[in-house]
Amino acid sequence: MGMKKIKFLIVFLFIVTNTAFAQKNIIKTNPIGDIFGVYNIGYERQITDSNSIVLSLYNFDFTKFNGNIISGEYRFYTNEEKPSLKGFFVSPSIYYFNVKEESNEVNEVYNEFGVFFNLGHQWTLFKNVTFDWFFGLGFVSTDELNNSNLGGILSFNIGYQW
């Protein structure tokens, strides 16, 4: 999915949720990932006083590997202040990776699936700026290679809440 399509999708989600729903919404990105060639955009939507869903799209381009990732996450916030999208959270998440490996010896495409359990914290700064971090452990399975590996993730995000 090209960046123009991703930007269109985010603008569309912003307009629809801003006009049709009263729940909190956050659009977020990881600016640190940009330094390493991993670009992402995420959308978090409050669904109850202490729960939210997160959808994230990633694009990465390294020397030998490039591809896209889509992830979904269900966050359980433990903050006593309701309604809230801040404080400590736990979340299961799923990932789908489409990875292309290109070099002189190899030209392959892999489809990978991951399931993770995450722990993190989200803050609201000023009135509408959010900052969150989380880490997770889980399994990644590659169909083409018929194997599973233990994996880890670490993320820092800055967002805008409305």
C-alpha atoms as a PDB file:
ATOM      1  CA  MET A   1       0.000   0.000   0.000  1.00  0.00           C
ATOM      2  CA  GLY A   2       1.522   3.308  -1.068  1.00  0.00           C
ATOM      3  CA  MET A   3       1.933   6.261   1.254  1.00  0.00           C
ATOM      4  CA  LYS A   4      -0.688   8.261  -0.715  1.00  0.00           C
ATOM      5  CA  LYS A   5      -3.282   5.549  -0.045  1.00  0.00           C
ATOM      6  CA  ILE A   6      -2.320   5.418   3.625  1.00  0.00           C
ATOM      7  CA  LYS A   7      -2.628   9.207   3.966  1.00  0.00           C
ATOM      8  CA  PHE A   8      -6.025   9.137   2.225  1.00  0.00           C
ATOM      9  CA  LEU A   9      -7.231   6.380   4.563  1.00  0.00           C
ATOM     10  CA  ILE A  10      -6.124   8.330   7.639  1.00  0.00           C
ATOM     11  CA  VAL A  11      -7.792  11.557   6.460  1.00  0.00           C
ATOM     12  CA  PHE A  12     -10.975   9.599   5.725  1.00  0.00           C
ATOM     13  CA  LEU A  13     -10.954   7.994   9.190  1.00  0.00           C
ATOM     14  CA  PHE A  14     -10.321  11.395  10.784  1.00  0.00           C
ATOM     15  CA  ILE A  15     -13.297  12.990   9.030  1.00  0.00           C
ATOM     16  CA  VAL A  16     -15.698  10.115   9.702  1.00  0.00           C
ATOM     17  CA  THR A  17     -14.821   9.656  13.363  1.00  0.00           C
ATOM     18  CA  ASN A  18     -14.624  13.365  14.083  1.00  0.00           C
ATOM     19  CA  THR A  19     -18.119  14.024  12.772  1.00  0.00           C
ATOM     20  CA  ALA A  20     -19.980  10.823  13.644  1.00  0.00           C
ATOM     21  CA  PHE A  21     -18.730   9.668  17.041  1.00  0.00           C
ATOM     22  CA  ALA A  22     -18.160  11.150  20.474  1.00  0.00           C
ATOM     23  CA  GLN A  23     -15.466   8.696  21.619  1.00  0.00           C
ATOM     24  CA  LYS A  24     -11.836   9.678  21.820  1.00  0.00           C
ATOM     25  CA  ASN A  25      -9.604   9.044  18.833  1.00  0.00           C
ATOM     26  CA  ILE A  26      -5.844   9.262  18.452  1.00  0.00           C
ATOM     27  CA  ILE A  27      -3.767   9.350  15.299  1.00  0.00           C
ATOM     28  CA  LYS A  28      -0.146   8.451  16.032  1.00  0.00           C
ATOM     29  CA  THR A  29       3.258   7.758  14.563  1.00  0.00           C
ATOM     30  CA  ASN A  30       6.678   6.617  15.735  1.00  0.00           C
ATOM     31  CA  PRO A  31       9.181   9.338  14.745  1.00  0.00           C
ATOM     32  CA  ILE A  32      12.134   7.241  15.960  1.00  0.00           C
ATOM     33  CA  GLY A  33      11.292   4.527  13.415  1.00  0.00           C
ATOM     34  CA  ASP A  34      11.728   7.017  10.573  1.00  0.00           C
ATOM     35  CA  ILE A  35      15.438   7.209  11.406  1.00  0.00           C
ATOM     36  CA  PHE A  36      15.757   3.456  10.796  1.00  0.00           C
ATOM     37  CA  GLY A  37      13.602   3.283   7.650  1.00  0.00           C
ATOM     38  CA  VAL A  38      10.402   2.103   9.355  1.00  0.00           C
ATOM     39  CA  TYR A  39       7.453   4.403   8.639  1.00  0.00           C
ATOM     40  CA  ASN A  40       4.160   3.954  10.408  1.00  0.00           C
ATOM     41  CA  ILE A  41       0.801   5.526  11.036  1.00  0.00           C
ATOM     42  CA  GLY A  42      -1.612   4.321  13.685  1.00  0.00           C
ATOM     43  CA  TYR A  43      -5.182   4.993  14.727  1.00  0.00           C
ATOM     44  CA  GLU A  44      -6.527   4.339  18.225  1.00  0.00           C
ATOM     45  CA  ARG A  45     -10.229   4.487  18.982  1.00  0.00           C
ATOM     46  CA  GLN A  46     -11.853   4.334  22.396  1.00  0.00           C
ATOM     47  CA  ILE A  47     -14.650   1.738  22.520  1.00  0.00           C
ATOM     48  CA  THR A  48     -15.455   1.737  26.270  1.00  0.00           C
ATOM     49  CA  ASP A  49     -14.324   3.849  29.220  1.00  0.00           C
ATOM     50  CA  SER A  50     -11.141   1.794  29.614  1.00  0.00           C
ATOM     51  CA  ASN A  51     -10.681  -0.116  26.322  1.00  0.00           C
ATOM     52  CA  SER A  52      -9.571   0.810  22.839  1.00  0.00           C
ATOM     53  CA  ILE A  53      -8.616  -0.730  19.536  1.00  0.00           C
ATOM     54  CA  VAL A  54      -5.512   0.230  17.602  1.00  0.00           C
ATOM     55  CA  LEU A  55      -4.883  -0.278  13.886  1.00  0.00           C
ATOM     56  CA  SER A  56      -1.369   0.420  12.581  1.00  0.00           C
ATOM     57  CA  LEU A  57       0.205   0.334   9.142  1.00  0.00           C
ATOM     58  CA  TYR A  58       3.972   0.099   8.630  1.00  0.00           C
ATOM     59  CA  ASN A  59       6.262   0.334   5.645  1.00  0.00           C
ATOM     60  CA  PHE A  60       9.945  -0.551   5.914  1.00  0.00           C
ATOM     61  CA  ASP A  61      12.861  -0.576   3.512  1.00  0.00           C
ATOM     62  CA  PHE A  62      16.196  -1.991   4.606  1.00  0.00           C
ATOM     63  CA  THR A  63      19.143  -2.945   2.395  1.00  0.00           C
ATOM     64  CA  LYS A  64      18.037  -6.542   1.843  1.00  0.00           C
ATOM     65  CA  PHE A  65      14.456  -6.552   3.165  1.00  0.00           C
ATOM     66  CA  ASN A  66      11.423  -4.383   2.484  1.00  0.00           C
ATOM     67  CA  GLY A  67       7.714  -4.719   2.945  1.00  0.00           C
ATOM     68  CA  ASN A  68       4.569  -3.816   4.826  1.00  0.00           C
ATOM     69  CA  ILE A  69       3.024  -4.698   8.161  1.00  0.00           C
ATOM     70  CA  ILE A  70      -0.528  -4.310   9.382  1.00  0.00           C
ATOM     71  CA  SER A  71      -1.343  -4.797  13.050  1.00  0.00           C
ATOM     72  CA  GLY A  72      -4.381  -4.804  15.284  1.00  0.00           C
ATOM     73  CA  GLU A  73      -4.365  -4.396  19.035  1.00  0.00           C
ATOM     74  CA  TYR A  74      -6.981  -4.393  21.819  1.00  0.00           C
ATOM     75  CA  ARG A  75      -5.895  -2.274  24.796  1.00  0.00           C
ATOM     76  CA  PHE A  76      -7.108  -2.669  28.384  1.00  0.00           C
ATOM     77  CA  TYR A  77      -6.318   0.498  30.387  1.00  0.00           C
ATOM     78  CA  THR A  78      -6.045   0.205  34.178  1.00  0.00           C
ATOM     79  CA  ASN A  79      -6.393   3.937  34.936  1.00  0.00           C
ATOM     80  CA  GLU A  80      -9.130   4.715  37.492  1.00  0.00           C
ATOM     81  CA  GLU A  81      -9.980   8.027  35.774  1.00  0.00           C
ATOM     82  CA  LYS A  82     -12.798   7.331  33.304  1.00  0.00           C
ATOM     83  CA  PRO A  83     -13.205   7.792  30.412  1.00  0.00           C
ATOM     84  CA  SER A  84      -9.555   7.675  29.556  1.00  0.00           C
ATOM     85  CA  LEU A  85      -7.005   6.588  27.005  1.00  0.00           C
ATOM     86  CA  LYS A  86      -4.110   7.081  29.380  1.00  0.00           C
ATOM     87  CA  GLY A  87      -2.192   5.184  31.974  1.00  0.00           C
ATOM     88  CA  PHE A  88      -0.849   1.634  32.107  1.00  0.00           C
ATOM     89  CA  PHE A  89      -2.279  -0.853  29.615  1.00  0.00           C
ATOM     90  CA  VAL A  90      -2.021  -4.489  28.603  1.00  0.00           C
ATOM     91  CA  SER A  91      -2.898  -5.614  25.106  1.00  0.00           C
ATOM     92  CA  PRO A  92      -2.911  -8.643  22.874  1.00  0.00           C
ATOM     93  CA  SER A  93      -1.978  -7.847  19.280  1.00  0.00           C
ATOM     94  CA  ILE A  94      -1.768  -9.559  15.920  1.00  0.00           C
ATOM     95  CA  TYR A  95       0.506  -8.732  13.013  1.00  0.00           C
ATOM     96  CA  TYR A  96       0.634  -9.622   9.343  1.00  0.00           C
ATOM     97  CA  PHE A  97       3.999  -9.106   7.632  1.00  0.00           C
ATOM     98  CA  ASN A  98       4.582  -9.094   3.882  1.00  0.00           C
ATOM     99  CA  VAL A  99       8.361  -9.201   3.504  1.00  0.00           C
ATOM    100  CA  LYS A 100      10.388  -9.128   0.296  1.00  0.00           C
ATOM    101  CA  GLU A 101      13.960 -10.361   0.480  1.00  0.00           C
ATOM    102  CA  GLU A 102      16.047  -9.175  -2.468  1.00  0.00           C
ATOM    103  CA  SER A 103      19.737  -9.784  -3.014  1.00  0.00           C
ATOM    104  CA  ASN A 104      22.027 -11.342  -5.606  1.00  0.00           C
ATOM    105  CA  GLU A 105      21.318 -14.819  -4.238  1.00  0.00           C
ATOM    106  CA  VAL A 106      17.678 -14.517  -3.094  1.00  0.00           C
ATOM    107  CA  ASN A 107      14.491 -12.976  -4.439  1.00  0.00           C
ATOM    108  CA  GLU A 108      11.684 -14.209  -2.174  1.00  0.00           C
ATOM    109  CA  VAL A 109       8.406 -12.958  -0.701  1.00  0.00           C
ATOM    110  CA  TYR A 110       7.353 -14.139   2.765  1.00  0.00           C
ATOM    111  CA  ASN A 111       4.027 -13.837   4.520  1.00  0.00           C
ATOM    112  CA  GLU A 112       4.398 -13.892   8.278  1.00  0.00           C
ATOM    113  CA  PHE A 113       1.902 -13.766  11.126  1.00  0.00           C
ATOM    114  CA  GLY A 114       2.609 -12.713  14.679  1.00  0.00           C
ATOM    115  CA  VAL A 115       0.746 -12.841  17.975  1.00  0.00           C
ATOM    116  CA  PHE A 116       2.072 -10.726  20.850  1.00  0.00           C
ATOM    117  CA  PHE A 117       1.242  -9.768  24.428  1.00  0.00           C
ATOM    118  CA  ASN A 118       2.151  -6.144  25.190  1.00  0.00           C
ATOM    119  CA  LEU A 119       2.625  -3.952  28.265  1.00  0.00           C
ATOM    120  CA  GLY A 120       2.805  -0.183  28.036  1.00  0.00           C
ATOM    121  CA  HIS A 121       1.824   3.257  29.210  1.00  0.00           C
ATOM    122  CA  GLN A 122       0.185   6.233  27.491  1.00  0.00           C
ATOM    123  CA  TRP A 123       0.263   9.859  28.658  1.00  0.00           C
ATOM    124  CA  THR A 124      -1.768  12.871  27.577  1.00  0.00           C
ATOM    125  CA  LEU A 125       0.424  15.947  27.326  1.00  0.00           C
ATOM    126  CA  PHE A 126      -1.083  19.395  27.102  1.00  0.00           C
ATOM    127  CA  LYS A 127      -4.659  18.738  25.999  1.00  0.00           C
ATOM    128  CA  ASN A 128      -4.425  16.784  22.770  1.00  0.00           C
ATOM    129  CA  VAL A 129      -0.876  15.419  22.475  1.00  0.00           C
ATOM    130  CA  THR A 130      -0.262  11.810  23.490  1.00  0.00           C
ATOM    131  CA  PHE A 131       2.901   9.829  24.068  1.00  0.00           C
ATOM    132  CA  ASP A 132       2.978   6.075  24.499  1.00  0.00           C
ATOM    133  CA  TRP A 133       5.517   3.311  24.748  1.00  0.00           C
ATOM    134  CA  PHE A 134       5.064  -0.421  24.884  1.00  0.00           C
ATOM    135  CA  PHE A 135       7.012  -3.622  24.634  1.00  0.00           C
ATOM    136  CA  GLY A 136       5.763  -7.060  23.782  1.00  0.00           C
ATOM    137  CA  LEU A 137       6.760 -10.674  23.404  1.00  0.00           C
ATOM    138  CA  GLY A 138       5.187 -13.199  21.110  1.00  0.00           C
ATOM    139  CA  PHE A 139       5.530 -15.640  18.268  1.00  0.00           C
ATOM    140  CA  VAL A 140       6.065 -15.005  14.576  1.00  0.00           C
ATOM    141  CA  SER A 141       5.271 -17.776  12.104  1.00  0.00           C
ATOM    142  CA  THR A 142       6.435 -17.897   8.499  1.00  0.00           C
ATOM    143  CA  ASP A 143       4.316 -20.157   6.304  1.00  0.00           C
ATOM    144  CA  GLU A 144       6.920 -20.508   3.568  1.00  0.00           C
ATOM    145  CA  LEU A 145       9.632 -21.556   6.011  1.00  0.00           C
ATOM    146  CA  ASN A 146       7.315 -23.679   8.207  1.00  0.00           C
ATOM    147  CA  ASN A 147       8.771 -22.368  11.451  1.00  0.00           C
ATOM    148  CA  SER A 148       7.913 -20.166  14.415  1.00  0.00           C
ATOM    149  CA  ASN A 149      10.225 -17.875  16.308  1.00  0.00           C
ATOM    150  CA  LEU A 150       9.994 -15.948  19.543  1.00  0.00           C
ATOM    151  CA  GLY A 151       9.916 -12.244  18.791  1.00  0.00           C
ATOM    152  CA  GLY A 152       9.907  -8.951  20.605  1.00  0.00           C
ATOM    153  CA  ILE A 153       8.698  -5.451  19.858  1.00  0.00           C
ATOM    154  CA  LEU A 154       9.406  -2.056  21.376  1.00  0.00           C
ATOM    155  CA  SER A 155       7.605   1.084  20.255  1.00  0.00           C
ATOM    156  CA  PHE A 156       7.368   4.789  21.110  1.00  0.00           C
ATOM    157  CA  ASN A 157       4.564   6.874  19.601  1.00  0.00           C
ATOM    158  CA  ILE A 158       3.505  10.490  19.525  1.00  0.00           C
ATOM    159  CA  GLY A 159      -0.103  11.238  18.686  1.00  0.00           C
ATOM    160  CA  TYR A 160      -2.881  13.767  18.407  1.00  0.00           C
ATOM    161  CA  GLN A 161      -6.106  13.096  20.328  1.00  0.00           C
ATOM    162  CA  TRP A 162      -9.540  14.501  19.567  1.00  0.00           C
END
